[in-house]
Amino acid sequence: KQLIRINGDVLPTLLVDGYVAGVWRPVEAGIEATAFHHLSGE
């Protein structure tokens, strides 16, 4: 429900180890990556 919004929008997605792990968007400073759970340094 966080990724696929109620109006049908589907947000840009972080894919980690083959599964959705968060979302991203371009911002002035670069790519803003929002992780939905803790991600490893790798």
Full PDB file with SEQRES, HELIX, SHEET, SSBOND, CRYST1, ORIGX, SCALE, CONECT and MASTER records, all heavy atoms in Angstrom:
SEQRES   1 A   42  LYS GLN LEU ILE ARG ILE ASN GLY ASP VAL LEU PRO THR          
SEQRES   2 A   42  LEU LEU VAL ASP GLY TYR VAL ALA GLY VAL TRP ARG PRO          
SEQRES   3 A   42  VAL GLU ALA GLY ILE GLU ALA THR ALA PHE HIS HIS LEU          
SEQRES   4 A   42  SER GLY GLU                                                  
SHEET    1 AA1 3 THR A  13  VAL A  16  0                                        
SHEET    2 AA1 3 TYR A  19  VAL A  27 -1                                        
SHEET    3 AA1 3 GLY A  30  ALA A  35 -1                                        
CRYST1    1.000    1.000    1.000  90.00  90.00  90.00 P 1           1          
ORIGX1      1.000000  0.000000  0.000000        0.00000                         
ORIGX2      0.000000  1.000000  0.000000        0.00000                         
ORIGX3      0.000000  0.000000  1.000000        0.00000                         
SCALE1      1.000000  0.000000  0.000000        0.00000                         
SCALE2      0.000000  1.000000  0.000000        0.00000                         
SCALE3      0.000000  0.000000  1.000000        0.00000                         
ATOM      1  N   LYS A   1       0.823  -1.216   0.000  1.00  0.00           N  
ATOM      2  CA  LYS A   1       0.000   0.000   0.000  1.00  0.00           C  
ATOM      3  C   LYS A   1       0.851   1.257   0.000  1.00  0.00           C  
ATOM      4  O   LYS A   1       0.398   2.321  -0.429  1.00  0.00           O  
ATOM      5  CB  LYS A   1      -0.946  -0.004   1.204  1.00  0.00           C  
ATOM      6  CG  LYS A   1      -2.058  -1.035   1.086  1.00  0.00           C  
ATOM      7  CD  LYS A   1      -3.019  -0.955   2.262  1.00  0.00           C  
ATOM      8  CE  LYS A   1      -4.144  -1.966   2.124  1.00  0.00           C  
ATOM      9  NZ  LYS A   1      -5.088  -1.914   3.270  1.00  0.00           N  
ATOM     10  N   GLN A   2       2.075   1.152   0.489  1.00  0.00           N  
ATOM     11  CA  GLN A   2       2.949   2.313   0.477  1.00  0.00           C  
ATOM     12  C   GLN A   2       3.514   2.573  -0.912  1.00  0.00           C  
ATOM     13  O   GLN A   2       3.734   3.717  -1.298  1.00  0.00           O  
ATOM     14  CB  GLN A   2       4.107   2.102   1.472  1.00  0.00           C  
ATOM     15  CG  GLN A   2       3.664   1.797   2.893  1.00  0.00           C  
ATOM     16  CD  GLN A   2       2.798   2.886   3.485  1.00  0.00           C  
ATOM     17  OE1 GLN A   2       2.956   4.057   3.134  1.00  0.00           O  
ATOM     18  NE2 GLN A   2       1.879   2.524   4.366  1.00  0.00           N  
ATOM     19  N   LEU A   3       3.733   1.501  -1.657  1.00  0.00           N  
ATOM     20  CA  LEU A   3       4.322   1.614  -2.985  1.00  0.00           C  
ATOM     21  C   LEU A   3       3.273   1.928  -4.045  1.00  0.00           C  
ATOM     22  O   LEU A   3       3.479   2.769  -4.917  1.00  0.00           O  
ATOM     23  CB  LEU A   3       5.040   0.305  -3.328  1.00  0.00           C  
ATOM     24  CG  LEU A   3       5.722   0.260  -4.684  1.00  0.00           C  
ATOM     25  CD1 LEU A   3       6.923   1.186  -4.706  1.00  0.00           C  
ATOM     26  CD2 LEU A   3       6.142  -1.162  -5.016  1.00  0.00           C  
ATOM     27  N   ILE A   4       2.135   1.220  -3.985  1.00  0.00           N  
ATOM     28  CA  ILE A   4       1.055   1.392  -4.956  1.00  0.00           C  
ATOM     29  C   ILE A   4      -0.018   2.236  -4.282  1.00  0.00           C  
ATOM     30  O   ILE A   4      -0.755   1.764  -3.422  1.00  0.00           O  
ATOM     31  CB  ILE A   4       0.503   0.028  -5.408  1.00  0.00           C  
ATOM     32  CG1 ILE A   4       1.629  -0.827  -6.001  1.00  0.00           C  
ATOM     33  CG2 ILE A   4      -0.625   0.214  -6.421  1.00  0.00           C  
ATOM     34  CD1 ILE A   4       1.215  -2.238  -6.376  1.00  0.00           C  
ATOM     35  N   ARG A   5      -0.095   3.486  -4.669  1.00  0.00           N  
ATOM     36  CA  ARG A   5      -0.959   4.422  -3.980  1.00  0.00           C  
ATOM     37  C   ARG A   5      -2.417   4.204  -4.372  1.00  0.00           C  
ATOM     38  O   ARG A   5      -2.726   3.561  -5.380  1.00  0.00           O  
ATOM     39  CB  ARG A   5      -0.531   5.857  -4.275  1.00  0.00           C  
ATOM     40  CG  ARG A   5       0.950   6.127  -4.056  1.00  0.00           C  
ATOM     41  CD  ARG A   5       1.432   5.733  -2.669  1.00  0.00           C  
ATOM     42  NE  ARG A   5       0.800   6.514  -1.620  1.00  0.00           N  
ATOM     43  CZ  ARG A   5       1.180   6.509  -0.351  1.00  0.00           C  
ATOM     44  NH1 ARG A   5       2.192   5.748   0.040  1.00  0.00           N  
ATOM     45  NH2 ARG A   5       0.560   7.250   0.541  1.00  0.00           N  
ATOM     46  N   ILE A   6      -3.321   4.771  -3.605  1.00  0.00           N  
ATOM     47  CA  ILE A   6      -4.743   4.478  -3.754  1.00  0.00           C  
ATOM     48  C   ILE A   6      -5.278   4.907  -5.119  1.00  0.00           C  
ATOM     49  O   ILE A   6      -6.243   4.336  -5.632  1.00  0.00           O  
ATOM     50  CB  ILE A   6      -5.545   5.131  -2.603  1.00  0.00           C  
ATOM     51  CG1 ILE A   6      -6.976   4.577  -2.569  1.00  0.00           C  
ATOM     52  CG2 ILE A   6      -5.538   6.648  -2.732  1.00  0.00           C  
ATOM     53  CD1 ILE A   6      -7.746   4.933  -1.310  1.00  0.00           C  
ATOM     54  N   ASN A   7      -4.653   5.915  -5.742  1.00  0.00           N  
ATOM     55  CA  ASN A   7      -5.120   6.366  -7.063  1.00  0.00           C  
ATOM     56  C   ASN A   7      -4.450   5.616  -8.205  1.00  0.00           C  
ATOM     57  O   ASN A   7      -4.672   5.931  -9.377  1.00  0.00           O  
ATOM     58  CB  ASN A   7      -4.883   7.866  -7.218  1.00  0.00           C  
ATOM     59  CG  ASN A   7      -3.410   8.197  -7.419  1.00  0.00           C  
ATOM     60  OD1 ASN A   7      -2.543   7.432  -6.999  1.00  0.00           O  
ATOM     61  ND2 ASN A   7      -3.130   9.320  -8.041  1.00  0.00           N  
ATOM     62  N   GLY A   8      -3.598   4.631  -7.884  1.00  0.00           N  
ATOM     63  CA  GLY A   8      -2.945   3.837  -8.914  1.00  0.00           C  
ATOM     64  C   GLY A   8      -1.517   4.234  -9.210  1.00  0.00           C  
ATOM     65  O   GLY A   8      -0.819   3.521  -9.951  1.00  0.00           O  
ATOM     66  N   ASP A   9      -1.037   5.352  -8.675  1.00  0.00           N  
ATOM     67  CA  ASP A   9       0.371   5.698  -8.853  1.00  0.00           C  
ATOM     68  C   ASP A   9       1.253   4.624  -8.216  1.00  0.00           C  
ATOM     69  O   ASP A   9       0.944   4.123  -7.125  1.00  0.00           O  
ATOM     70  CB  ASP A   9       0.684   7.047  -8.198  1.00  0.00           C  
ATOM     71  CG  ASP A   9       0.118   8.232  -8.962  1.00  0.00           C  
ATOM     72  OD1 ASP A   9      -0.300   8.037 -10.124  1.00  0.00           O  
ATOM     73  OD2 ASP A   9       0.087   9.341  -8.405  1.00  0.00           O  
ATOM     74  N   VAL A  10       2.336   4.286  -8.894  1.00  0.00           N  
ATOM     75  CA  VAL A  10       3.290   3.298  -8.386  1.00  0.00           C  
ATOM     76  C   VAL A  10       4.650   3.979  -8.329  1.00  0.00           C  
ATOM     77  O   VAL A  10       5.203   4.364  -9.353  1.00  0.00           O  
ATOM     78  CB  VAL A  10       3.348   2.049  -9.289  1.00  0.00           C  
ATOM     79  CG1 VAL A  10       4.316   1.022  -8.711  1.00  0.00           C  
ATOM     80  CG2 VAL A  10       1.960   1.435  -9.437  1.00  0.00           C  
ATOM     81  N   LEU A  11       5.187   4.154  -7.127  1.00  0.00           N  
ATOM     82  CA  LEU A  11       6.353   5.001  -6.934  1.00  0.00           C  
ATOM     83  C   LEU A  11       7.636   4.355  -7.463  1.00  0.00           C  
ATOM     84  O   LEU A  11       7.724   3.128  -7.566  1.00  0.00           O  
ATOM     85  CB  LEU A  11       6.501   5.325  -5.445  1.00  0.00           C  
ATOM     86  CG  LEU A  11       5.288   5.994  -4.786  1.00  0.00           C  
ATOM     87  CD1 LEU A  11       5.612   6.389  -3.349  1.00  0.00           C  
ATOM     88  CD2 LEU A  11       4.845   7.221  -5.574  1.00  0.00           C  
ATOM     89  N   PRO A  12       8.647   5.170  -7.783  1.00  0.00           N  
ATOM     90  CA  PRO A  12       9.956   4.626  -8.159  1.00  0.00           C  
ATOM     91  C   PRO A  12      10.537   3.820  -6.993  1.00  0.00           C  
ATOM     92  O   PRO A  12      10.433   4.239  -5.836  1.00  0.00           O  
ATOM     93  CB  PRO A  12      10.790   5.879  -8.442  1.00  0.00           C  
ATOM     94  CG  PRO A  12       9.821   6.984  -8.650  1.00  0.00           C  
ATOM     95  CD  PRO A  12       8.633   6.648  -7.803  1.00  0.00           C  
ATOM     96  N   THR A  13      11.147   2.712  -7.317  1.00  0.00           N  
ATOM     97  CA  THR A  13      11.387   1.667  -6.323  1.00  0.00           C  
ATOM     98  C   THR A  13      12.858   1.310  -6.161  1.00  0.00           C  
ATOM     99  O   THR A  13      13.585   1.162  -7.142  1.00  0.00           O  
ATOM    100  CB  THR A  13      10.632   0.392  -6.758  1.00  0.00           C  
ATOM    101  OG1 THR A  13       9.252   0.704  -6.927  1.00  0.00           O  
ATOM    102  CG2 THR A  13      10.765  -0.706  -5.734  1.00  0.00           C  
ATOM    103  N   LEU A  14      13.277   1.147  -4.893  1.00  0.00           N  
ATOM    104  CA  LEU A  14      14.560   0.524  -4.598  1.00  0.00           C  
ATOM    105  C   LEU A  14      14.372  -0.989  -4.635  1.00  0.00           C  
ATOM    106  O   LEU A  14      13.513  -1.530  -3.919  1.00  0.00           O  
ATOM    107  CB  LEU A  14      15.052   0.907  -3.197  1.00  0.00           C  
ATOM    108  CG  LEU A  14      15.152   2.385  -2.828  1.00  0.00           C  
ATOM    109  CD1 LEU A  14      15.619   2.529  -1.385  1.00  0.00           C  
ATOM    110  CD2 LEU A  14      16.094   3.118  -3.764  1.00  0.00           C  
ATOM    111  N   LEU A  15      15.121  -1.670  -5.456  1.00  0.00           N  
ATOM    112  CA  LEU A  15      15.083  -3.124  -5.506  1.00  0.00           C  
ATOM    113  C   LEU A  15      16.391  -3.638  -4.904  1.00  0.00           C  
ATOM    114  O   LEU A  15      17.480  -3.316  -5.408  1.00  0.00           O  
ATOM    115  CB  LEU A  15      14.938  -3.603  -6.952  1.00  0.00           C  
ATOM    116  CG  LEU A  15      14.304  -4.974  -7.177  1.00  0.00           C  
ATOM    117  CD1 LEU A  15      12.847  -4.977  -6.732  1.00  0.00           C  
ATOM    118  CD2 LEU A  15      14.411  -5.381  -8.642  1.00  0.00           C  
ATOM    119  N   VAL A  16      16.285  -4.398  -3.822  1.00  0.00           N  
ATOM    120  CA  VAL A  16      17.460  -4.933  -3.127  1.00  0.00           C  
ATOM    121  C   VAL A  16      17.269  -6.424  -2.954  1.00  0.00           C  
ATOM    122  O   VAL A  16      16.238  -6.870  -2.421  1.00  0.00           O  
ATOM    123  CB  VAL A  16      17.651  -4.250  -1.751  1.00  0.00           C  
ATOM    124  CG1 VAL A  16      18.797  -4.906  -0.981  1.00  0.00           C  
ATOM    125  CG2 VAL A  16      17.927  -2.758  -1.933  1.00  0.00           C  
ATOM    126  N   ASP A  17      18.230  -7.189  -3.443  1.00  0.00           N  
ATOM    127  CA  ASP A  17      18.148  -8.654  -3.421  1.00  0.00           C  
ATOM    128  C   ASP A  17      16.843  -9.142  -4.051  1.00  0.00           C  
ATOM    129  O   ASP A  17      16.246 -10.115  -3.627  1.00  0.00           O  
ATOM    130  CB  ASP A  17      18.287  -9.188  -1.992  1.00  0.00           C  
ATOM    131  CG  ASP A  17      18.507 -10.706  -1.969  1.00  0.00           C  
ATOM    132  OD1 ASP A  17      19.067 -11.251  -2.949  1.00  0.00           O  
ATOM    133  OD2 ASP A  17      18.078 -11.351  -0.990  1.00  0.00           O  
ATOM    134  N   GLY A  18      16.395  -8.430  -5.072  1.00  0.00           N  
ATOM    135  CA  GLY A  18      15.238  -8.862  -5.846  1.00  0.00           C  
ATOM    136  C   GLY A  18      13.894  -8.434  -5.313  1.00  0.00           C  
ATOM    137  O   GLY A  18      12.868  -8.734  -5.934  1.00  0.00           O  
ATOM    138  N   TYR A  19      13.860  -7.718  -4.192  1.00  0.00           N  
ATOM    139  CA  TYR A  19      12.583  -7.326  -3.591  1.00  0.00           C  
ATOM    140  C   TYR A  19      12.558  -5.818  -3.324  1.00  0.00           C  
ATOM    141  O   TYR A  19      13.594  -5.192  -3.101  1.00  0.00           O  
ATOM    142  CB  TYR A  19      12.358  -8.068  -2.271  1.00  0.00           C  
ATOM    143  CG  TYR A  19      12.164  -9.550  -2.444  1.00  0.00           C  
ATOM    144  CD1 TYR A  19      13.256 -10.415  -2.400  1.00  0.00           C  
ATOM    145  CD2 TYR A  19      10.899 -10.091  -2.677  1.00  0.00           C  
ATOM    146  CE1 TYR A  19      13.079 -11.786  -2.564  1.00  0.00           C  
ATOM    147  CE2 TYR A  19      10.720 -11.454  -2.848  1.00  0.00           C  
ATOM    148  CZ  TYR A  19      11.811 -12.301  -2.794  1.00  0.00           C  
ATOM    149  OH  TYR A  19      11.652 -13.651  -2.969  1.00  0.00           O  
ATOM    150  N   VAL A  20      11.344  -5.270  -3.310  1.00  0.00           N  
ATOM    151  CA  VAL A  20      11.178  -3.857  -2.988  1.00  0.00           C  
ATOM    152  C   VAL A  20      11.664  -3.598  -1.570  1.00  0.00           C  
ATOM    153  O   VAL A  20      11.281  -4.288  -0.620  1.00  0.00           O  
ATOM    154  CB  VAL A  20       9.702  -3.443  -3.123  1.00  0.00           C  
ATOM    155  CG1 VAL A  20       9.466  -2.061  -2.537  1.00  0.00           C  
ATOM    156  CG2 VAL A  20       9.275  -3.479  -4.588  1.00  0.00           C  
ATOM    157  N   ALA A  21      12.535  -2.604  -1.441  1.00  0.00           N  
ATOM    158  CA  ALA A  21      13.079  -2.253  -0.132  1.00  0.00           C  
ATOM    159  C   ALA A  21      12.852  -0.788   0.209  1.00  0.00           C  
ATOM    160  O   ALA A  21      13.239  -0.337   1.291  1.00  0.00           O  
ATOM    161  CB  ALA A  21      14.572  -2.563  -0.097  1.00  0.00           C  
ATOM    162  N   GLY A  22      12.235  -0.041  -0.700  1.00  0.00           N  
ATOM    163  CA  GLY A  22      12.006   1.364  -0.448  1.00  0.00           C  
ATOM    164  C   GLY A  22      11.672   2.091  -1.736  1.00  0.00           C  
ATOM    165  O   GLY A  22      11.337   1.467  -2.748  1.00  0.00           O  
ATOM    166  N   VAL A  23      11.753   3.410  -1.704  1.00  0.00           N  
ATOM    167  CA  VAL A  23      11.426   4.234  -2.863  1.00  0.00           C  
ATOM    168  C   VAL A  23      12.528   5.268  -3.060  1.00  0.00           C  
ATOM    169  O   VAL A  23      13.344   5.518  -2.172  1.00  0.00           O  
ATOM    170  CB  VAL A  23      10.058   4.929  -2.704  1.00  0.00           C  
ATOM    171  CG1 VAL A  23       8.930   3.903  -2.652  1.00  0.00           C  
ATOM    172  CG2 VAL A  23      10.032   5.801  -1.442  1.00  0.00           C  
ATOM    173  N   TRP A  24      12.529   5.884  -4.236  1.00  0.00           N  
ATOM    174  CA  TRP A  24      13.513   6.924  -4.530  1.00  0.00           C  
ATOM    175  C   TRP A  24      12.866   8.012  -5.363  1.00  0.00           C  
ATOM    176  O   TRP A  24      11.824   7.814  -5.970  1.00  0.00           O  
ATOM    177  CB  TRP A  24      14.732   6.342  -5.247  1.00  0.00           C  
ATOM    178  CG  TRP A  24      14.448   5.807  -6.635  1.00  0.00           C  
ATOM    179  CD1 TRP A  24      14.067   4.537  -6.954  1.00  0.00           C  
ATOM    180  CD2 TRP A  24      14.515   6.529  -7.877  1.00  0.00           C  
ATOM    181  NE1 TRP A  24      13.880   4.417  -8.320  1.00  0.00           N  
ATOM    182  CE2 TRP A  24      14.157   5.623  -8.914  1.00  0.00           C  
ATOM    183  CE3 TRP A  24      14.840   7.846  -8.226  1.00  0.00           C  
ATOM    184  CZ2 TRP A  24      14.110   6.006 -10.259  1.00  0.00           C  
ATOM    185  CZ3 TRP A  24      14.798   8.229  -9.566  1.00  0.00           C  
ATOM    186  CH2 TRP A  24      14.441   7.302 -10.559  1.00  0.00           C  
ATOM    187  N   ARG A  25      13.531   9.157  -5.379  1.00  0.00           N  
ATOM    188  CA  ARG A  25      13.107  10.251  -6.256  1.00  0.00           C  
ATOM    189  C   ARG A  25      14.317  11.135  -6.534  1.00  0.00           C  
ATOM    190  O   ARG A  25      15.221  11.267  -5.691  1.00  0.00           O  
ATOM    191  CB  ARG A  25      11.990  11.071  -5.618  1.00  0.00           C  
ATOM    192  CG  ARG A  25      12.373  11.724  -4.297  1.00  0.00           C  
ATOM    193  CD  ARG A  25      11.283  12.651  -3.806  1.00  0.00           C  
ATOM    194  NE  ARG A  25      11.552  13.152  -2.463  1.00  0.00           N  
ATOM    195  CZ  ARG A  25      10.927  14.201  -1.925  1.00  0.00           C  
ATOM    196  NH1 ARG A  25      10.008  14.861  -2.620  1.00  0.00           N  
ATOM    197  NH2 ARG A  25      11.218  14.602  -0.693  1.00  0.00           N  
ATOM    198  N   PRO A  26      14.349  11.756  -7.707  1.00  0.00           N  
ATOM    199  CA  PRO A  26      15.411  12.731  -7.969  1.00  0.00           C  
ATOM    200  C   PRO A  26      15.147  14.020  -7.185  1.00  0.00           C  
ATOM    201  O   PRO A  26      14.015  14.494  -7.127  1.00  0.00           O  
ATOM    202  CB  PRO A  26      15.312  12.986  -9.480  1.00  0.00           C  
ATOM    203  CG  PRO A  26      14.382  11.941 -10.010  1.00  0.00           C  
ATOM    204  CD  PRO A  26      13.493  11.558  -8.883  1.00  0.00           C  
ATOM    205  N   VAL A  27      16.175  14.553  -6.559  1.00  0.00           N  
ATOM    206  CA  VAL A  27      16.106  15.854  -5.890  1.00  0.00           C  
ATOM    207  C   VAL A  27      17.293  16.678  -6.366  1.00  0.00           C  
ATOM    208  O   VAL A  27      18.154  16.181  -7.095  1.00  0.00           O  
ATOM    209  CB  VAL A  27      16.112  15.701  -4.349  1.00  0.00           C  
ATOM    210  CG1 VAL A  27      14.845  14.992  -3.871  1.00  0.00           C  
ATOM    211  CG2 VAL A  27      17.347  14.940  -3.879  1.00  0.00           C  
ATOM    212  N   GLU A  28      17.347  17.936  -5.964  1.00  0.00           N  
ATOM    213  CA  GLU A  28      18.421  18.809  -6.446  1.00  0.00           C  
ATOM    214  C   GLU A  28      19.798  18.250  -6.123  1.00  0.00           C  
ATOM    215  O   GLU A  28      20.741  18.381  -6.908  1.00  0.00           O  
ATOM    216  CB  GLU A  28      18.263  20.205  -5.845  1.00  0.00           C  
ATOM    217  CG  GLU A  28      17.040  20.965  -6.337  1.00  0.00           C  
ATOM    218  CD  GLU A  28      17.087  21.260  -7.834  1.00  0.00           C  
ATOM    219  OE1 GLU A  28      18.204  21.347  -8.389  1.00  0.00           O  
ATOM    220  OE2 GLU A  28      16.009  21.380  -8.449  1.00  0.00           O  
ATOM    221  N   ALA A  29      19.939  17.615  -4.962  1.00  0.00           N  
ATOM    222  CA  ALA A  29      21.257  17.150  -4.523  1.00  0.00           C  
ATOM    223  C   ALA A  29      21.636  15.774  -5.053  1.00  0.00           C  
ATOM    224  O   ALA A  29      22.762  15.329  -4.865  1.00  0.00           O  
ATOM    225  CB  ALA A  29      21.316  17.145  -2.992  1.00  0.00           C  
ATOM    226  N   GLY A  30      20.697  15.072  -5.681  1.00  0.00           N  
ATOM    227  CA  GLY A  30      21.000  13.728  -6.179  1.00  0.00           C  
ATOM    228  C   GLY A  30      19.769  12.845  -6.198  1.00  0.00           C  
ATOM    229  O   GLY A  30      18.696  13.272  -6.614  1.00  0.00           O  
ATOM    230  N   ILE A  31      19.919  11.617  -5.739  1.00  0.00           N  
ATOM    231  CA  ILE A  31      18.807  10.676  -5.598  1.00  0.00           C  
ATOM    232  C   ILE A  31      18.497  10.512  -4.123  1.00  0.00           C  
ATOM    233  O   ILE A  31      19.366  10.101  -3.334  1.00  0.00           O  
ATOM    234  CB  ILE A  31      19.162   9.292  -6.198  1.00  0.00           C  
ATOM    235  CG1 ILE A  31      19.399   9.388  -7.707  1.00  0.00           C  
ATOM    236  CG2 ILE A  31      18.054   8.277  -5.878  1.00  0.00           C  
ATOM    237  CD1 ILE A  31      18.181   9.716  -8.532  1.00  0.00           C  
ATOM    238  N   GLU A  32      17.284  10.861  -3.734  1.00  0.00           N  
ATOM    239  CA  GLU A  32      16.852  10.644  -2.357  1.00  0.00           C  
ATOM    240  C   GLU A  32      16.282   9.238  -2.251  1.00  0.00           C  
ATOM    241  O   GLU A  32      15.259   8.926  -2.864  1.00  0.00           O  
ATOM    242  CB  GLU A  32      15.800  11.668  -1.957  1.00  0.00           C  
ATOM    243  CG  GLU A  32      15.317  11.515  -0.514  1.00  0.00           C  
ATOM    244  CD  GLU A  32      14.193  12.480  -0.193  1.00  0.00           C  
ATOM    245  OE1 GLU A  32      14.476  13.687  -0.064  1.00  0.00           O  
ATOM    246  OE2 GLU A  32      13.034  12.017  -0.100  1.00  0.00           O  
ATOM    247  N   ALA A  33      16.956   8.394  -1.488  1.00  0.00           N  
ATOM    248  CA  ALA A  33      16.549   6.997  -1.334  1.00  0.00           C  
ATOM    249  C   ALA A  33      15.983   6.791   0.065  1.00  0.00           C  
ATOM    250  O   ALA A  33      16.671   7.060   1.066  1.00  0.00           O  
ATOM    251  CB  ALA A  33      17.738   6.063  -1.556  1.00  0.00           C  
ATOM    252  N   THR A  34      14.743   6.345   0.139  1.00  0.00           N  
ATOM    253  CA  THR A  34      14.075   6.071   1.406  1.00  0.00           C  
ATOM    254  C   THR A  34      13.935   4.566   1.565  1.00  0.00           C  
ATOM    255  O   THR A  34      13.200   3.918   0.813  1.00  0.00           O  
ATOM    256  CB  THR A  34      12.679   6.720   1.444  1.00  0.00           C  
ATOM    257  OG1 THR A  34      12.808   8.133   1.286  1.00  0.00           O  
ATOM    258  CG2 THR A  34      11.973   6.420   2.760  1.00  0.00           C  
ATOM    259  N   ALA A  35      14.668   4.005   2.516  1.00  0.00           N  
ATOM    260  CA  ALA A  35      14.598   2.557   2.774  1.00  0.00           C  
ATOM    261  C   ALA A  35      13.482   2.274   3.763  1.00  0.00           C  
ATOM    262  O   ALA A  35      13.360   2.955   4.794  1.00  0.00           O  
ATOM    263  CB  ALA A  35      15.930   2.055   3.324  1.00  0.00           C  
ATOM    264  N   PHE A  36      12.673   1.259   3.450  1.00  0.00           N  
ATOM    265  CA  PHE A  36      11.565   0.889   4.334  1.00  0.00           C  
ATOM    266  C   PHE A  36      12.033   0.029   5.513  1.00  0.00           C  
ATOM    267  O   PHE A  36      11.301  -0.151   6.479  1.00  0.00           O  
ATOM    268  CB  PHE A  36      10.506   0.116   3.555  1.00  0.00           C  
ATOM    269  CG  PHE A  36       9.749   0.946   2.541  1.00  0.00           C  
ATOM    270  CD1 PHE A  36       8.992   0.322   1.561  1.00  0.00           C  
ATOM    271  CD2 PHE A  36       9.779   2.334   2.567  1.00  0.00           C  
ATOM    272  CE1 PHE A  36       8.289   1.063   0.618  1.00  0.00           C  
ATOM    273  CE2 PHE A  36       9.082   3.090   1.629  1.00  0.00           C  
ATOM    274  CZ  PHE A  36       8.331   2.447   0.652  1.00  0.00           C  
ATOM    275  N   HIS A  37      13.228  -0.543   5.415  1.00  0.00           N  
ATOM    276  CA  HIS A  37      13.803  -1.315   6.505  1.00  0.00           C  
ATOM    277  C   HIS A  37      15.318  -1.143   6.469  1.00  0.00           C  
ATOM    278  O   HIS A  37      15.861  -0.583   5.516  1.00  0.00           O  
ATOM    279  CB  HIS A  37      13.426  -2.802   6.406  1.00  0.00           C  
ATOM    280  CG  HIS A  37      13.847  -3.456   5.131  1.00  0.00           C  
ATOM    281  ND1 HIS A  37      12.982  -3.664   4.083  1.00  0.00           N  
ATOM    282  CD2 HIS A  37      15.051  -3.930   4.698  1.00  0.00           C  
ATOM    283  CE1 HIS A  37      13.621  -4.246   3.078  1.00  0.00           C  
ATOM    284  NE2 HIS A  37      14.882  -4.414   3.432  1.00  0.00           N  
ATOM    285  N   HIS A  38      15.978  -1.588   7.486  1.00  0.00           N  
ATOM    286  CA  HIS A  38      17.427  -1.435   7.552  1.00  0.00           C  
ATOM    287  C   HIS A  38      18.097  -2.175   6.395  1.00  0.00           C  
ATOM    288  O   HIS A  38      17.773  -3.333   6.113  1.00  0.00           O  
ATOM    289  CB  HIS A  38      17.962  -1.991   8.877  1.00  0.00           C  
ATOM    290  CG  HIS A  38      19.467  -1.993   8.953  1.00  0.00           C  
ATOM    291  ND1 HIS A  38      20.200  -0.836   9.128  1.00  0.00           N  
ATOM    292  CD2 HIS A  38      20.364  -3.018   8.829  1.00  0.00           C  
ATOM    293  CE1 HIS A  38      21.483  -1.144   9.126  1.00  0.00           C  
ATOM    294  NE2 HIS A  38      21.614  -2.445   8.948  1.00  0.00           N  
ATOM    295  N   LEU A  39      19.031  -1.486   5.741  1.00  0.00           N  
ATOM    296  CA  LEU A  39      19.796  -2.091   4.662  1.00  0.00           C  
ATOM    297  C   LEU A  39      21.259  -2.199   5.073  1.00  0.00           C  
ATOM    298  O   LEU A  39      21.781  -1.344   5.796  1.00  0.00           O  
ATOM    299  CB  LEU A  39      19.691  -1.242   3.385  1.00  0.00           C  
ATOM    300  CG  LEU A  39      18.296  -1.020   2.807  1.00  0.00           C  
ATOM    301  CD1 LEU A  39      18.380  -0.140   1.553  1.00  0.00           C  
ATOM    302  CD2 LEU A  39      17.624  -2.343   2.479  1.00  0.00           C  
ATOM    303  N   SER A  40      21.896  -3.228   4.563  1.00  0.00           N  
ATOM    304  CA  SER A  40      23.307  -3.421   4.867  1.00  0.00           C  
ATOM    305  C   SER A  40      24.152  -2.367   4.165  1.00  0.00           C  
ATOM    306  O   SER A  40      23.719  -1.723   3.198  1.00  0.00           O  
ATOM    307  CB  SER A  40      23.745  -4.812   4.416  1.00  0.00           C  
ATOM    308  OG  SER A  40      23.726  -4.890   2.993  1.00  0.00           O  
ATOM    309  N   GLY A  41      25.378  -2.213   4.634  1.00  0.00           N  
ATOM    310  CA  GLY A  41      26.299  -1.302   3.968  1.00  0.00           C  
ATOM    311  C   GLY A  41      26.540  -1.705   2.534  1.00  0.00           C  
ATOM    312  O   GLY A  41      26.657  -0.840   1.644  1.00  0.00           O  
ATOM    313  N   GLU A  42      26.593  -3.012   2.277  1.00  0.00           N  
ATOM    314  CA  GLU A  42      26.795  -3.494   0.911  1.00  0.00           C  
ATOM    315  C   GLU A  42      25.628  -3.089   0.018  1.00  0.00           C  
ATOM    316  O   GLU A  42      25.819  -2.688  -1.147  1.00  0.00           O  
ATOM    317  CB  GLU A  42      26.957  -5.017   0.916  1.00  0.00           C  
ATOM    318  CG  GLU A  42      27.190  -5.604  -0.458  1.00  0.00           C  
ATOM    319  CD  GLU A  42      27.304  -7.129  -0.427  1.00  0.00           C  
ATOM    320  OE1 GLU A  42      27.087  -7.728   0.649  1.00  0.00           O  
ATOM    321  OE2 GLU A  42      27.600  -7.715  -1.489  1.00  0.00           O  
TER     322      GLU A  42                                                      
MASTER        0    0    0    0    3    0    0    6  321    1    0    4          
END                                                                             
